[in-house]
Amino acid sequence: MPKITLLLLATTVAMGITGAAFCVGVTYAFTQLPIEQILSSL
């Protein structure tokens, strides 16, 4: 495979994993903490 294809594939996979982890983290934070606590920590 050309290097550009591998690079695009690796980038897509990395973005997918990062996006999924971010969504899980945000969802977990919202279920564990009150909204006011999240807003005050921003």
N, C-alpha and C. Protein backbone atom coordinates (compact mmCIF):
# COMPACT_ATOMS: atom_id res chain seq x y z
N MET A 1 0.85 -1.21 0.00
CA MET A 1 0.00 0.00 0.00
C MET A 1 0.88 1.25 0.00
N PRO A 2 0.41 2.28 -0.70
CA PRO A 2 1.15 3.55 -0.67
C PRO A 2 1.17 4.13 0.73
N LYS A 3 2.20 4.90 1.01
CA LYS A 3 2.34 5.46 2.36
C LYS A 3 1.19 6.41 2.70
N ILE A 4 0.70 7.15 1.70
CA ILE A 4 -0.38 8.11 1.96
C ILE A 4 -1.64 7.38 2.41
N THR A 5 -1.89 6.20 1.84
CA THR A 5 -3.06 5.42 2.24
C THR A 5 -2.93 4.96 3.68
N LEU A 6 -1.75 4.50 4.05
CA LEU A 6 -1.51 4.08 5.43
C LEU A 6 -1.66 5.25 6.39
N LEU A 7 -1.16 6.41 5.97
CA LEU A 7 -1.24 7.61 6.80
C LEU A 7 -2.69 8.02 7.02
N LEU A 8 -3.48 8.01 5.94
CA LEU A 8 -4.89 8.36 6.06
C LEU A 8 -5.63 7.37 6.93
N LEU A 9 -5.33 6.09 6.76
CA LEU A 9 -5.98 5.05 7.55
C LEU A 9 -5.64 5.21 9.03
N ALA A 10 -4.36 5.44 9.33
CA ALA A 10 -3.93 5.61 10.71
C ALA A 10 -4.58 6.85 11.33
N THR A 11 -4.66 7.93 10.55
CA THR A 11 -5.27 9.17 11.05
C THR A 11 -6.75 8.96 11.34
N THR A 12 -7.44 8.27 10.42
CA THR A 12 -8.86 8.02 10.61
C THR A 12 -9.12 7.18 11.85
N VAL A 13 -8.32 6.13 12.03
CA VAL A 13 -8.47 5.27 13.20
C VAL A 13 -8.18 6.05 14.48
N ALA A 14 -7.12 6.84 14.47
CA ALA A 14 -6.75 7.63 15.65
C ALA A 14 -7.85 8.63 16.00
N MET A 15 -8.41 9.29 14.98
CA MET A 15 -9.49 10.25 15.22
C MET A 15 -10.73 9.56 15.75
N GLY A 16 -11.01 8.38 15.23
CA GLY A 16 -12.17 7.62 15.69
C GLY A 16 -12.03 7.23 17.15
N ILE A 17 -10.85 6.73 17.52
CA ILE A 17 -10.61 6.33 18.91
C ILE A 17 -10.68 7.55 19.83
N THR A 18 -10.05 8.65 19.40
CA THR A 18 -10.06 9.87 20.21
C THR A 18 -11.48 10.40 20.38
N GLY A 19 -12.23 10.41 19.29
CA GLY A 19 -13.61 10.89 19.34
C GLY A 19 -14.47 10.04 20.25
N ALA A 20 -14.32 8.72 20.15
CA ALA A 20 -15.09 7.82 21.00
C ALA A 20 -14.73 8.01 22.47
N ALA A 21 -13.44 8.12 22.75
CA ALA A 21 -12.99 8.31 24.13
C ALA A 21 -13.51 9.63 24.69
N PHE A 22 -13.49 10.67 23.85
CA PHE A 22 -13.99 11.98 24.28
C PHE A 22 -15.48 11.92 24.59
N CYS A 23 -16.24 11.27 23.71
CA CYS A 23 -17.69 11.15 23.94
C CYS A 23 -17.98 10.38 25.23
N VAL A 24 -17.26 9.29 25.45
CA VAL A 24 -17.44 8.50 26.67
C VAL A 24 -17.09 9.34 27.89
N GLY A 25 -15.99 10.08 27.81
CA GLY A 25 -15.56 10.92 28.93
C GLY A 25 -16.58 11.99 29.26
N VAL A 26 -17.10 12.66 28.23
CA VAL A 26 -18.09 13.71 28.45
C VAL A 26 -19.37 13.12 29.04
N THR A 27 -19.82 12.01 28.48
CA THR A 27 -21.03 11.36 28.99
C THR A 27 -20.86 10.94 30.44
N TYR A 28 -19.70 10.36 30.74
CA TYR A 28 -19.40 9.93 32.11
C TYR A 28 -19.39 11.12 33.06
N ALA A 29 -18.76 12.21 32.63
CA ALA A 29 -18.68 13.41 33.47
C ALA A 29 -20.08 13.95 33.75
N PHE A 30 -20.94 13.98 32.73
CA PHE A 30 -22.28 14.52 32.92
C PHE A 30 -23.15 13.63 33.79
N THR A 31 -22.90 12.33 33.77
CA THR A 31 -23.71 11.44 34.60
C THR A 31 -23.20 11.41 36.04
N GLN A 32 -21.92 11.73 36.25
CA GLN A 32 -21.34 11.65 37.58
C GLN A 32 -21.39 12.98 38.33
N LEU A 33 -21.33 14.09 37.60
CA LEU A 33 -21.24 15.40 38.25
C LEU A 33 -22.48 16.23 37.97
N PRO A 34 -22.86 17.07 38.92
CA PRO A 34 -23.94 18.02 38.66
C PRO A 34 -23.49 19.04 37.62
N ILE A 35 -24.45 19.57 36.86
CA ILE A 35 -24.14 20.53 35.80
C ILE A 35 -23.45 21.77 36.38
N GLU A 36 -23.92 22.23 37.54
CA GLU A 36 -23.34 23.44 38.14
C GLU A 36 -21.86 23.24 38.45
N GLN A 37 -21.52 22.04 38.90
CA GLN A 37 -20.11 21.77 39.24
C GLN A 37 -19.25 21.80 37.98
N ILE A 38 -19.77 21.27 36.88
CA ILE A 38 -19.03 21.28 35.62
C ILE A 38 -18.84 22.72 35.15
N LEU A 39 -19.91 23.51 35.19
CA LEU A 39 -19.83 24.89 34.72
C LEU A 39 -18.88 25.72 35.57
N SER A 40 -18.88 25.49 36.87
CA SER A 40 -18.03 26.28 37.76
C SER A 40 -16.56 25.92 37.59
N SER A 41 -16.29 24.72 37.07
CA SER A 41 -14.89 24.30 36.90
C SER A 41 -14.32 24.74 35.56
N LEU A 42 -15.16 25.27 34.67
CA LEU A 42 -14.68 25.72 33.36
C LEU A 42 -13.91 27.02 33.47
